[in-house]
Amino acid sequence: MNNKKIKSNNEISELCSFSLGGYQQKVLIEGKRKDDPVVITLHGGPGTPIPFSVGCRGLFPVFTDEFIMVYWDQLGCGINNHVIDDSFSINSFVQMTEELIGKIKDKFPNNKIIIFSTSWGSILSAKLLEKNPYAVDCVIACGQIIKDVFICDEVRNTLTATSIPTKKLEKIKNVTVDNFKGNDLQLISNALRKYTNAYQNKTGKKAPMGTIVKGLLMSPDYKMKDFKAIMVNGYMKNTSLWKEIIHINLTEQLKSVQIPYIILQGDTDIVASTKSVEKLVNSSNNANLDCKVVANTGHMPGVEMMDELLVVLKKCKQQI
């Protein structure tokens, strides 16, 4: 990857260092024009900086040609790897998100700001607006988490209709929000990946992972340790965040959003239940809250989801 060529094609292509939550963190800002709307990405996990990460300089020109993209590997992963012990809470990351928005507004005081959040990141975008309803101009959330993650009837019933071994199914059925352990969540997650379309719809178009991985390995901003920390990182022993996630209920926060909040859901997503999102949006009587269901898509954003994201972002660009 030619770093000089990337920079020459964009008015901004900059690796910044910001103090967020008291920790110095690296953030990549890239865009063709300095007056375009800014898109701040909040990735999933916790601790999984995909599809957008600090190592993605030059990898997504269809987005950077239209927007100033802000890629942040949240503290604890990727280029900002750090041990996330049990003193960290959801609010710790909401605070970092709010501080990042402040830094971006300082750099681009006249630009409209959009958040694109994914899965765990959608918790942060919803909690951010609970704290500051007008923090940004628009939110687009993919795989919005509302409540009942992993431990719910929809997951149990879906797995019951698969070829999962009886012993595994019975163990999963006995997991509750009060008795769960980390390996229980791993068991459920692995079962959903193997036996259902909850994570990745098997009929959907395959993302060009080889190209993306090659781009990350050749990134001018990533070292090998940063690449490895996309998956194996400071979250490995954390339990505090998942205790909060399992008990979370964002129904009221989402019902009362004061800015456009568009939720993109895969049609087979039961990790962040699409049925629950549709029910919430339809009952909210809130014109700011909308949902679009993307066919042949699970919880992980694939080709169809990324295509829809670009369409929705362009529409937001015209309207905000």
C-alpha atoms as a PDB file:
ATOM      1  CA  MET A   1       0.000   0.000   0.000  1.00  0.00           C
ATOM      2  CA  ASN A   2       1.387   3.348  -1.052  1.00  0.00           C
ATOM      3  CA  ASN A   3       0.932   5.694   1.892  1.00  0.00           C
ATOM      4  CA  LYS A   4       1.903   8.788  -0.143  1.00  0.00           C
ATOM      5  CA  LYS A   5      -0.659   7.981  -2.834  1.00  0.00           C
ATOM      6  CA  ILE A   6      -3.397   7.539  -0.241  1.00  0.00           C
ATOM      7  CA  LYS A   7      -2.575  10.891   1.325  1.00  0.00           C
ATOM      8  CA  SER A   8      -2.416  12.645  -2.043  1.00  0.00           C
ATOM      9  CA  ASN A   9      -5.938  11.469  -2.890  1.00  0.00           C
ATOM     10  CA  ASN A  10      -7.371  12.791   0.378  1.00  0.00           C
ATOM     11  CA  GLU A  11      -7.377  16.251   1.905  1.00  0.00           C
ATOM     12  CA  ILE A  12      -7.041  14.543   5.263  1.00  0.00           C
ATOM     13  CA  SER A  13      -5.268  11.264   6.074  1.00  0.00           C
ATOM     14  CA  GLU A  14      -3.940  11.570   9.580  1.00  0.00           C
ATOM     15  CA  LEU A  15      -3.094   9.337  12.528  1.00  0.00           C
ATOM     16  CA  CYS A  16      -3.988  11.393  15.596  1.00  0.00           C
ATOM     17  CA  SER A  17      -3.294  10.845  19.288  1.00  0.00           C
ATOM     18  CA  PHE A  18      -6.026  11.887  21.733  1.00  0.00           C
ATOM     19  CA  SER A  19      -6.366  11.546  25.488  1.00  0.00           C
ATOM     20  CA  LEU A  20      -9.635   9.646  25.998  1.00  0.00           C
ATOM     21  CA  GLY A  21     -10.683   8.520  29.451  1.00  0.00           C
ATOM     22  CA  GLY A  22      -7.239   9.450  30.706  1.00  0.00           C
ATOM     23  CA  TYR A  23      -5.491   7.144  28.192  1.00  0.00           C
ATOM     24  CA  GLN A  24      -3.555   8.322  25.149  1.00  0.00           C
ATOM     25  CA  GLN A  25      -5.163   6.627  22.146  1.00  0.00           C
ATOM     26  CA  LYS A  26      -4.515   6.622  18.397  1.00  0.00           C
ATOM     27  CA  VAL A  27      -7.327   7.465  15.984  1.00  0.00           C
ATOM     28  CA  LEU A  28      -7.175   7.477  12.170  1.00  0.00           C
ATOM     29  CA  ILE A  29      -8.979  10.272  10.322  1.00  0.00           C
ATOM     30  CA  GLU A  30      -9.316   9.936   6.559  1.00  0.00           C
ATOM     31  CA  GLY A  31     -11.401  11.719   3.946  1.00  0.00           C
ATOM     32  CA  LYS A  32     -11.252  13.201   0.470  1.00  0.00           C
ATOM     33  CA  ARG A  33     -12.655  16.620   1.407  1.00  0.00           C
ATOM     34  CA  LYS A  34     -12.371  18.523   4.681  1.00  0.00           C
ATOM     35  CA  ASP A  35     -15.916  19.860   4.452  1.00  0.00           C
ATOM     36  CA  ASP A  36     -17.649  16.459   4.177  1.00  0.00           C
ATOM     37  CA  PRO A  37     -19.713  15.067   7.069  1.00  0.00           C
ATOM     38  CA  VAL A  38     -17.701  13.142   9.654  1.00  0.00           C
ATOM     39  CA  VAL A  39     -18.512   9.496  10.419  1.00  0.00           C
ATOM     40  CA  ILE A  40     -17.200   8.268  13.783  1.00  0.00           C
ATOM     41  CA  THR A  41     -17.133   4.462  13.919  1.00  0.00           C
ATOM     42  CA  LEU A  42     -17.903   2.566  17.141  1.00  0.00           C
ATOM     43  CA  HIS A  43     -16.992  -1.078  16.624  1.00  0.00           C
ATOM     44  CA  GLY A  44     -18.358  -4.203  18.268  1.00  0.00           C
ATOM     45  CA  GLY A  45     -16.991  -6.821  20.609  1.00  0.00           C
ATOM     46  CA  PRO A  46     -16.296  -5.517  23.171  1.00  0.00           C
ATOM     47  CA  GLY A  47     -12.806  -5.413  21.745  1.00  0.00           C
ATOM     48  CA  THR A  48     -13.294  -6.363  18.072  1.00  0.00           C
ATOM     49  CA  PRO A  49     -12.340  -3.451  15.774  1.00  0.00           C
ATOM     50  CA  ILE A  50     -14.028  -4.612  12.571  1.00  0.00           C
ATOM     51  CA  PRO A  51     -15.011  -3.748   9.871  1.00  0.00           C
ATOM     52  CA  PHE A  52     -13.377  -0.350  10.440  1.00  0.00           C
ATOM     53  CA  SER A  53     -10.123  -0.058  12.401  1.00  0.00           C
ATOM     54  CA  VAL A  54      -7.107   2.239  12.667  1.00  0.00           C
ATOM     55  CA  GLY A  55      -5.307  -0.113  10.277  1.00  0.00           C
ATOM     56  CA  CYS A  56      -7.789   0.611   7.467  1.00  0.00           C
ATOM     57  CA  ARG A  57      -6.065   3.593   5.830  1.00  0.00           C
ATOM     58  CA  GLY A  58      -6.948   3.460   2.131  1.00  0.00           C
ATOM     59  CA  LEU A  59      -9.096   0.306   2.411  1.00  0.00           C
ATOM     60  CA  PHE A  60     -12.549   1.878   2.071  1.00  0.00           C
ATOM     61  CA  PRO A  61     -12.422   4.586  -0.634  1.00  0.00           C
ATOM     62  CA  VAL A  62     -16.173   4.278  -1.289  1.00  0.00           C
ATOM     63  CA  PHE A  63     -16.657   5.715   2.201  1.00  0.00           C
ATOM     64  CA  THR A  64     -13.725   8.143   2.357  1.00  0.00           C
ATOM     65  CA  ASP A  65     -14.697   9.636  -1.032  1.00  0.00           C
ATOM     66  CA  GLU A  66     -17.973  10.766   0.532  1.00  0.00           C
ATOM     67  CA  PHE A  67     -17.192  11.206   4.233  1.00  0.00           C
ATOM     68  CA  ILE A  68     -14.417  11.945   6.681  1.00  0.00           C
ATOM     69  CA  MET A  69     -14.081   8.578   8.395  1.00  0.00           C
ATOM     70  CA  VAL A  70     -12.866   8.386  11.990  1.00  0.00           C
ATOM     71  CA  TYR A  71     -11.528   4.946  12.881  1.00  0.00           C
ATOM     72  CA  TRP A  72     -11.028   4.292  16.601  1.00  0.00           C
ATOM     73  CA  ASP A  73      -9.777   1.018  18.046  1.00  0.00           C
ATOM     74  CA  GLN A  74     -11.427   1.317  21.450  1.00  0.00           C
ATOM     75  CA  LEU A  75      -9.097   1.102  24.424  1.00  0.00           C
ATOM     76  CA  GLY A  76      -8.095  -2.527  24.956  1.00  0.00           C
ATOM     77  CA  CYS A  77      -7.756  -3.684  21.347  1.00  0.00           C
ATOM     78  CA  GLY A  78      -5.935  -3.147  18.063  1.00  0.00           C
ATOM     79  CA  ILE A  79      -3.478  -0.265  18.122  1.00  0.00           C
ATOM     80  CA  ASN A  80      -4.830   0.820  21.528  1.00  0.00           C
ATOM     81  CA  ASN A  81      -4.389  -2.550  23.220  1.00  0.00           C
ATOM     82  CA  HIS A  82      -4.469  -2.297  27.011  1.00  0.00           C
ATOM     83  CA  VAL A  83      -5.604  -4.585  29.819  1.00  0.00           C
ATOM     84  CA  ILE A  84      -9.312  -4.002  30.469  1.00  0.00           C
ATOM     85  CA  ASP A  85      -9.757  -5.083  34.065  1.00  0.00           C
ATOM     86  CA  ASP A  86     -13.033  -5.225  35.957  1.00  0.00           C
ATOM     87  CA  SER A  87     -12.817  -1.588  37.007  1.00  0.00           C
ATOM     88  CA  PHE A  88     -14.060  -0.683  33.505  1.00  0.00           C
ATOM     89  CA  SER A  89     -17.781  -0.233  32.900  1.00  0.00           C
ATOM     90  CA  ILE A  90     -19.995   0.601  29.936  1.00  0.00           C
ATOM     91  CA  ASN A  91     -19.959   4.187  31.148  1.00  0.00           C
ATOM     92  CA  SER A  92     -16.132   4.208  30.922  1.00  0.00           C
ATOM     93  CA  PHE A  93     -16.462   3.741  27.159  1.00  0.00           C
ATOM     94  CA  VAL A  94     -19.418   6.121  26.832  1.00  0.00           C
ATOM     95  CA  GLN A  95     -17.210   8.767  28.437  1.00  0.00           C
ATOM     96  CA  MET A  96     -14.361   8.024  26.002  1.00  0.00           C
ATOM     97  CA  THR A  97     -16.826   8.235  23.106  1.00  0.00           C
ATOM     98  CA  GLU A  98     -18.083  11.604  24.301  1.00  0.00           C
ATOM     99  CA  GLU A  99     -14.504  12.879  24.632  1.00  0.00           C
ATOM    100  CA  LEU A 100     -13.642  11.623  21.134  1.00  0.00           C
ATOM    101  CA  ILE A 101     -16.626  13.517  19.707  1.00  0.00           C
ATOM    102  CA  GLY A 102     -15.365  16.638  21.467  1.00  0.00           C
ATOM    103  CA  LYS A 103     -11.900  16.238  19.903  1.00  0.00           C
ATOM    104  CA  ILE A 104     -13.420  15.755  16.448  1.00  0.00           C
ATOM    105  CA  LYS A 105     -15.648  18.815  16.856  1.00  0.00           C
ATOM    106  CA  ASP A 106     -12.547  20.834  17.750  1.00  0.00           C
ATOM    107  CA  LYS A 107     -10.900  19.728  14.480  1.00  0.00           C
ATOM    108  CA  PHE A 108     -14.042  20.064  12.348  1.00  0.00           C
ATOM    109  CA  PRO A 109     -16.210  22.726  14.016  1.00  0.00           C
ATOM    110  CA  ASN A 110     -18.458  23.267  10.978  1.00  0.00           C
ATOM    111  CA  ASN A 111     -18.997  19.652   9.882  1.00  0.00           C
ATOM    112  CA  LYS A 112     -22.036  17.505  10.538  1.00  0.00           C
ATOM    113  CA  ILE A 113     -21.194  14.432  12.632  1.00  0.00           C
ATOM    114  CA  ILE A 114     -22.663  10.939  12.203  1.00  0.00           C
ATOM    115  CA  ILE A 115     -21.990   7.887  14.365  1.00  0.00           C
ATOM    116  CA  PHE A 116     -21.860   4.424  12.802  1.00  0.00           C
ATOM    117  CA  SER A 117     -22.053   1.882  15.613  1.00  0.00           C
ATOM    118  CA  THR A 118     -21.940  -1.909  15.482  1.00  0.00           C
ATOM    119  CA  SER A 119     -23.249  -4.382  18.103  1.00  0.00           C
ATOM    120  CA  TRP A 120     -21.452  -3.475  21.361  1.00  0.00           C
ATOM    121  CA  GLY A 121     -20.859  -0.070  19.787  1.00  0.00           C
ATOM    122  CA  SER A 122     -24.643   0.347  19.499  1.00  0.00           C
ATOM    123  CA  ILE A 123     -24.839   0.221  23.297  1.00  0.00           C
ATOM    124  CA  LEU A 124     -22.404   3.120  23.393  1.00  0.00           C
ATOM    125  CA  SER A 125     -24.358   5.167  20.835  1.00  0.00           C
ATOM    126  CA  ALA A 126     -27.644   4.668  22.704  1.00  0.00           C
ATOM    127  CA  LYS A 127     -26.109   5.435  26.105  1.00  0.00           C
ATOM    128  CA  LEU A 128     -24.320   8.469  24.659  1.00  0.00           C
ATOM    129  CA  LEU A 129     -27.636   9.987  23.555  1.00  0.00           C
ATOM    130  CA  GLU A 130     -29.180   9.222  26.926  1.00  0.00           C
ATOM    131  CA  LYS A 131     -26.429  11.358  28.447  1.00  0.00           C
ATOM    132  CA  ASN A 132     -26.293  13.999  25.681  1.00  0.00           C
ATOM    133  CA  PRO A 133     -29.308  13.807  23.299  1.00  0.00           C
ATOM    134  CA  TYR A 134     -27.751  16.130  20.706  1.00  0.00           C
ATOM    135  CA  ALA A 135     -24.127  14.932  20.911  1.00  0.00           C
ATOM    136  CA  VAL A 136     -24.118  14.246  17.151  1.00  0.00           C
ATOM    137  CA  ASP A 137     -26.405  14.887  14.177  1.00  0.00           C
ATOM    138  CA  CYS A 138     -27.359  11.303  13.331  1.00  0.00           C
ATOM    139  CA  VAL A 139     -26.704   7.700  14.385  1.00  0.00           C
ATOM    140  CA  ILE A 140     -26.690   4.628  12.161  1.00  0.00           C
ATOM    141  CA  ALA A 141     -26.517   1.444  14.228  1.00  0.00           C
ATOM    142  CA  CYS A 142     -25.884  -2.030  12.827  1.00  0.00           C
ATOM    143  CA  GLY A 143     -26.984  -4.979  14.972  1.00  0.00           C
ATOM    144  CA  GLN A 144     -28.547  -2.808  17.674  1.00  0.00           C
ATOM    145  CA  ILE A 145     -28.463  -4.405  21.091  1.00  0.00           C
ATOM    146  CA  ILE A 146     -31.584  -3.687  23.136  1.00  0.00           C
ATOM    147  CA  LYS A 147     -31.869  -6.441  25.753  1.00  0.00           C
ATOM    148  CA  ASP A 148     -31.770 -10.227  26.290  1.00  0.00           C
ATOM    149  CA  VAL A 149     -28.417 -10.867  24.617  1.00  0.00           C
ATOM    150  CA  PHE A 150     -27.699 -14.627  24.259  1.00  0.00           C
ATOM    151  CA  ILE A 151     -29.901 -15.695  27.203  1.00  0.00           C
ATOM    152  CA  CYS A 152     -33.464 -15.590  25.879  1.00  0.00           C
ATOM    153  CA  ASP A 153     -36.252 -17.752  24.439  1.00  0.00           C
ATOM    154  CA  GLU A 154     -35.522 -16.718  20.844  1.00  0.00           C
ATOM    155  CA  VAL A 155     -31.990 -18.107  21.060  1.00  0.00           C
ATOM    156  CA  ARG A 156     -33.084 -21.271  22.869  1.00  0.00           C
ATOM    157  CA  ASN A 157     -35.971 -21.936  20.467  1.00  0.00           C
ATOM    158  CA  THR A 158     -33.841 -21.335  17.377  1.00  0.00           C
ATOM    159  CA  LEU A 159     -31.133 -23.716  18.604  1.00  0.00           C
ATOM    160  CA  THR A 160     -33.764 -26.343  19.515  1.00  0.00           C
ATOM    161  CA  ALA A 161     -34.730 -26.535  15.827  1.00  0.00           C
ATOM    162  CA  THR A 162     -31.130 -27.297  14.764  1.00  0.00           C
ATOM    163  CA  SER A 163     -28.917 -30.389  14.883  1.00  0.00           C
ATOM    164  CA  ILE A 164     -27.122 -29.236  18.034  1.00  0.00           C
ATOM    165  CA  PRO A 165     -26.275 -32.182  20.347  1.00  0.00           C
ATOM    166  CA  THR A 166     -28.834 -32.655  23.134  1.00  0.00           C
ATOM    167  CA  LYS A 167     -26.275 -32.269  25.942  1.00  0.00           C
ATOM    168  CA  LYS A 168     -25.130 -28.892  24.631  1.00  0.00           C
ATOM    169  CA  LEU A 169     -28.714 -27.725  24.181  1.00  0.00           C
ATOM    170  CA  GLU A 170     -29.681 -28.743  27.707  1.00  0.00           C
ATOM    171  CA  LYS A 171     -26.681 -26.941  29.124  1.00  0.00           C
ATOM    172  CA  ILE A 172     -27.619 -23.799  27.208  1.00  0.00           C
ATOM    173  CA  LYS A 173     -31.237 -24.030  28.390  1.00  0.00           C
ATOM    174  CA  ASN A 174     -30.024 -24.065  31.995  1.00  0.00           C
ATOM    175  CA  VAL A 175     -28.055 -20.813  31.644  1.00  0.00           C
ATOM    176  CA  THR A 176     -29.776 -17.803  33.232  1.00  0.00           C
ATOM    177  CA  VAL A 177     -28.900 -14.135  33.627  1.00  0.00           C
ATOM    178  CA  ASP A 178     -28.198 -14.849  37.298  1.00  0.00           C
ATOM    179  CA  ASN A 179     -26.028 -17.978  37.040  1.00  0.00           C
ATOM    180  CA  PHE A 180     -24.119 -17.476  33.756  1.00  0.00           C
ATOM    181  CA  LYS A 181     -20.337 -17.702  33.509  1.00  0.00           C
ATOM    182  CA  GLY A 182     -17.997 -16.576  30.752  1.00  0.00           C
ATOM    183  CA  ASN A 183     -17.702 -20.060  29.260  1.00  0.00           C
ATOM    184  CA  ASP A 184     -21.526 -20.279  29.090  1.00  0.00           C
ATOM    185  CA  LEU A 185     -21.620 -17.232  26.831  1.00  0.00           C
ATOM    186  CA  GLN A 186     -18.833 -18.739  24.717  1.00  0.00           C
ATOM    187  CA  LEU A 187     -20.834 -21.974  24.434  1.00  0.00           C
ATOM    188  CA  ILE A 188     -23.936 -20.109  23.230  1.00  0.00           C
ATOM    189  CA  SER A 189     -21.936 -17.926  20.851  1.00  0.00           C
ATOM    190  CA  ASN A 190     -20.156 -20.926  19.324  1.00  0.00           C
ATOM    191  CA  ALA A 191     -23.466 -22.800  18.948  1.00  0.00           C
ATOM    192  CA  LEU A 192     -25.081 -19.853  17.168  1.00  0.00           C
ATOM    193  CA  ARG A 193     -22.120 -19.588  14.798  1.00  0.00           C
ATOM    194  CA  LYS A 194     -22.100 -23.301  13.985  1.00  0.00           C
ATOM    195  CA  TYR A 195     -25.775 -24.213  13.836  1.00  0.00           C
ATOM    196  CA  THR A 196     -27.587 -21.014  12.783  1.00  0.00           C
ATOM    197  CA  ASN A 197     -27.378 -17.935  10.562  1.00  0.00           C
ATOM    198  CA  ALA A 198     -27.355 -15.670  13.617  1.00  0.00           C
ATOM    199  CA  TYR A 199     -23.846 -14.321  13.034  1.00  0.00           C
ATOM    200  CA  GLN A 200     -23.228 -14.821   9.321  1.00  0.00           C
ATOM    201  CA  ASN A 201     -25.957 -15.709   6.875  1.00  0.00           C
ATOM    202  CA  LYS A 202     -24.640 -18.591   4.832  1.00  0.00           C
ATOM    203  CA  THR A 203     -26.473 -17.437   1.680  1.00  0.00           C
ATOM    204  CA  GLY A 204     -25.143 -13.872   1.851  1.00  0.00           C
ATOM    205  CA  LYS A 205     -22.268 -12.591  -0.262  1.00  0.00           C
ATOM    206  CA  LYS A 206     -18.886 -13.298   1.257  1.00  0.00           C
ATOM    207  CA  ALA A 207     -16.881 -10.258   2.330  1.00  0.00           C
ATOM    208  CA  PRO A 208     -13.443 -10.022   0.655  1.00  0.00           C
ATOM    209  CA  MET A 209     -11.651 -10.966   3.866  1.00  0.00           C
ATOM    210  CA  GLY A 210      -8.422 -11.835   2.078  1.00  0.00           C
ATOM    211  CA  THR A 211      -8.159  -8.325   0.653  1.00  0.00           C
ATOM    212  CA  ILE A 212      -8.985  -6.729   4.005  1.00  0.00           C
ATOM    213  CA  VAL A 213      -6.511  -8.891   5.945  1.00  0.00           C
ATOM    214  CA  LYS A 214      -3.797  -8.162   3.363  1.00  0.00           C
ATOM    215  CA  GLY A 215      -4.549  -4.445   3.670  1.00  0.00           C
ATOM    216  CA  LEU A 216      -4.303  -4.574   7.454  1.00  0.00           C
ATOM    217  CA  LEU A 217      -1.013  -6.473   7.311  1.00  0.00           C
ATOM    218  CA  MET A 218       0.386  -3.864   4.893  1.00  0.00           C
ATOM    219  CA  SER A 219      -1.061  -0.922   6.821  1.00  0.00           C
ATOM    220  CA  PRO A 220       1.344   1.986   7.355  1.00  0.00           C
ATOM    221  CA  ASP A 221      -0.221   2.471  10.785  1.00  0.00           C
ATOM    222  CA  TYR A 222      -0.416  -1.087  12.164  1.00  0.00           C
ATOM    223  CA  LYS A 223       2.374  -3.246  13.493  1.00  0.00           C
ATOM    224  CA  MET A 224       1.978  -7.027  13.741  1.00  0.00           C
ATOM    225  CA  LYS A 225       1.104  -6.741  17.436  1.00  0.00           C
ATOM    226  CA  ASP A 226      -1.746  -4.354  16.555  1.00  0.00           C
ATOM    227  CA  PHE A 227      -3.072  -6.784  13.947  1.00  0.00           C
ATOM    228  CA  LYS A 228      -3.014  -9.641  16.468  1.00  0.00           C
ATOM    229  CA  ALA A 229      -4.776  -7.439  19.018  1.00  0.00           C
ATOM    230  CA  ILE A 230      -7.842  -7.248  16.769  1.00  0.00           C
ATOM    231  CA  MET A 231      -8.843 -10.604  18.297  1.00  0.00           C
ATOM    232  CA  VAL A 232      -6.473 -11.466  21.178  1.00  0.00           C
ATOM    233  CA  ASN A 233      -6.281  -8.434  23.387  1.00  0.00           C
ATOM    234  CA  GLY A 234      -6.867  -6.733  26.720  1.00  0.00           C
ATOM    235  CA  TYR A 235     -10.483  -7.900  26.991  1.00  0.00           C
ATOM    236  CA  MET A 236      -9.624 -11.580  27.409  1.00  0.00           C
ATOM    237  CA  LYS A 237     -10.065 -11.650  31.203  1.00  0.00           C
ATOM    238  CA  ASN A 238     -12.677  -8.926  31.577  1.00  0.00           C
ATOM    239  CA  THR A 239     -16.016  -9.912  33.137  1.00  0.00           C
ATOM    240  CA  SER A 240     -17.445  -6.564  34.253  1.00  0.00           C
ATOM    241  CA  LEU A 241     -18.613  -5.470  30.793  1.00  0.00           C
ATOM    242  CA  TRP A 242     -20.445  -8.690  30.010  1.00  0.00           C
ATOM    243  CA  LYS A 243     -22.209  -8.621  33.373  1.00  0.00           C
ATOM    244  CA  GLU A 244     -23.623  -5.248  32.357  1.00  0.00           C
ATOM    245  CA  ILE A 245     -24.418  -6.303  28.781  1.00  0.00           C
ATOM    246  CA  ILE A 246     -26.391  -9.371  29.865  1.00  0.00           C
ATOM    247  CA  HIS A 247     -28.587  -7.260  32.154  1.00  0.00           C
ATOM    248  CA  ILE A 248     -28.928  -4.219  29.883  1.00  0.00           C
ATOM    249  CA  ASN A 249     -32.249  -2.894  28.612  1.00  0.00           C
ATOM    250  CA  LEU A 250     -32.055   0.081  26.248  1.00  0.00           C
ATOM    251  CA  THR A 251     -35.758   0.161  25.332  1.00  0.00           C
ATOM    252  CA  GLU A 252     -36.555   3.522  26.904  1.00  0.00           C
ATOM    253  CA  GLN A 253     -33.322   5.170  25.739  1.00  0.00           C
ATOM    254  CA  LEU A 254     -34.029   4.213  22.117  1.00  0.00           C
ATOM    255  CA  LYS A 255     -37.712   5.127  22.248  1.00  0.00           C
ATOM    256  CA  SER A 256     -36.845   8.662  23.284  1.00  0.00           C
ATOM    257  CA  VAL A 257     -34.022   9.553  20.847  1.00  0.00           C
ATOM    258  CA  GLN A 258     -34.126  13.193  19.739  1.00  0.00           C
ATOM    259  CA  ILE A 259     -32.040  12.891  16.550  1.00  0.00           C
ATOM    260  CA  PRO A 260     -32.336  10.561  13.520  1.00  0.00           C
ATOM    261  CA  TYR A 261     -31.383   7.051  14.712  1.00  0.00           C
ATOM    262  CA  ILE A 262     -31.470   4.466  11.910  1.00  0.00           C
ATOM    263  CA  ILE A 263     -31.026   0.824  12.837  1.00  0.00           C
ATOM    264  CA  LEU A 264     -29.772  -1.631  10.209  1.00  0.00           C
ATOM    265  CA  GLN A 265     -30.588  -5.235  11.086  1.00  0.00           C
ATOM    266  CA  GLY A 266     -29.714  -8.501   9.420  1.00  0.00           C
ATOM    267  CA  ASP A 267     -32.803 -10.595   8.712  1.00  0.00           C
ATOM    268  CA  THR A 268     -31.379 -13.618  10.564  1.00  0.00           C
ATOM    269  CA  ASP A 269     -29.775 -11.751  13.462  1.00  0.00           C
ATOM    270  CA  ILE A 270     -30.833 -13.166  16.826  1.00  0.00           C
ATOM    271  CA  VAL A 271     -27.720 -12.047  18.704  1.00  0.00           C
ATOM    272  CA  ALA A 272     -29.225  -8.572  18.619  1.00  0.00           C
ATOM    273  CA  SER A 273     -32.772  -9.680  17.901  1.00  0.00           C
ATOM    274  CA  THR A 274     -34.200  -8.194  14.696  1.00  0.00           C
ATOM    275  CA  LYS A 275     -37.708  -9.093  15.871  1.00  0.00           C
ATOM    276  CA  SER A 276     -37.147  -7.086  19.043  1.00  0.00           C
ATOM    277  CA  VAL A 277     -35.819  -4.089  17.097  1.00  0.00           C
ATOM    278  CA  GLU A 278     -38.792  -4.094  14.704  1.00  0.00           C
ATOM    279  CA  LYS A 279     -41.225  -4.371  17.611  1.00  0.00           C
ATOM    280  CA  LEU A 280     -39.554  -1.492  19.436  1.00  0.00           C
ATOM    281  CA  VAL A 281     -39.453   0.811  16.409  1.00  0.00           C
ATOM    282  CA  ASN A 282     -43.091   0.084  15.493  1.00  0.00           C
ATOM    283  CA  SER A 283     -44.305   0.786  19.035  1.00  0.00           C
ATOM    284  CA  SER A 284     -42.145   3.845  19.699  1.00  0.00           C
ATOM    285  CA  ASN A 285     -44.235   6.489  17.882  1.00  0.00           C
ATOM    286  CA  ASN A 286     -40.934   8.306  17.388  1.00  0.00           C
ATOM    287  CA  ALA A 287     -40.265   9.647  13.889  1.00  0.00           C
ATOM    288  CA  ASN A 288     -36.536   9.834  14.704  1.00  0.00           C
ATOM    289  CA  LEU A 289     -36.290   6.064  15.179  1.00  0.00           C
ATOM    290  CA  ASP A 290     -36.233   3.866  12.068  1.00  0.00           C
ATOM    291  CA  CYS A 291     -35.281   0.317  11.156  1.00  0.00           C
ATOM    292  CA  LYS A 292     -34.173  -1.237   7.869  1.00  0.00           C
ATOM    293  CA  VAL A 293     -33.865  -5.026   7.600  1.00  0.00           C
ATOM    294  CA  VAL A 294     -31.109  -6.263   5.288  1.00  0.00           C
ATOM    295  CA  ALA A 295     -31.689  -9.602   3.558  1.00  0.00           C
ATOM    296  CA  ASN A 296     -29.252 -12.533   3.704  1.00  0.00           C
ATOM    297  CA  THR A 297     -27.465 -10.987   6.673  1.00  0.00           C
ATOM    298  CA  GLY A 298     -26.793 -12.019  10.255  1.00  0.00           C
ATOM    299  CA  HIS A 299     -25.246 -10.083  13.123  1.00  0.00           C
ATOM    300  CA  MET A 300     -21.887  -9.527  11.426  1.00  0.00           C
ATOM    301  CA  PRO A 301     -21.976  -6.858   8.702  1.00  0.00           C
ATOM    302  CA  GLY A 302     -21.409  -8.551   5.351  1.00  0.00           C
ATOM    303  CA  VAL A 303     -21.412  -7.234   1.784  1.00  0.00           C
ATOM    304  CA  GLU A 304     -25.163  -6.542   1.746  1.00  0.00           C
ATOM    305  CA  MET A 305     -24.988  -4.654   5.037  1.00  0.00           C
ATOM    306  CA  MET A 306     -22.021  -2.540   3.955  1.00  0.00           C
ATOM    307  CA  ASP A 307     -23.797  -1.689   0.691  1.00  0.00           C
ATOM    308  CA  GLU A 308     -26.913  -0.640   2.618  1.00  0.00           C
ATOM    309  CA  LEU A 309     -24.810   1.356   5.056  1.00  0.00           C
ATOM    310  CA  LEU A 310     -23.357   3.419   2.218  1.00  0.00           C
ATOM    311  CA  VAL A 311     -26.854   4.072   0.806  1.00  0.00           C
ATOM    312  CA  VAL A 312     -28.169   5.193   4.195  1.00  0.00           C
ATOM    313  CA  LEU A 313     -25.109   7.340   4.889  1.00  0.00           C
ATOM    314  CA  LYS A 314     -25.513   9.149   1.569  1.00  0.00           C
ATOM    315  CA  LYS A 315     -29.181   9.786   2.354  1.00  0.00           C
ATOM    316  CA  CYS A 316     -28.223  11.168   5.773  1.00  0.00           C
ATOM    317  CA  LYS A 317     -25.623  13.388   4.097  1.00  0.00           C
ATOM    318  CA  GLN A 318     -28.393  15.026   2.076  1.00  0.00           C
ATOM    319  CA  GLN A 319     -30.820  15.397   4.966  1.00  0.00           C
ATOM    320  CA  ILE A 320     -28.797  16.561   7.977  1.00  0.00           C
END
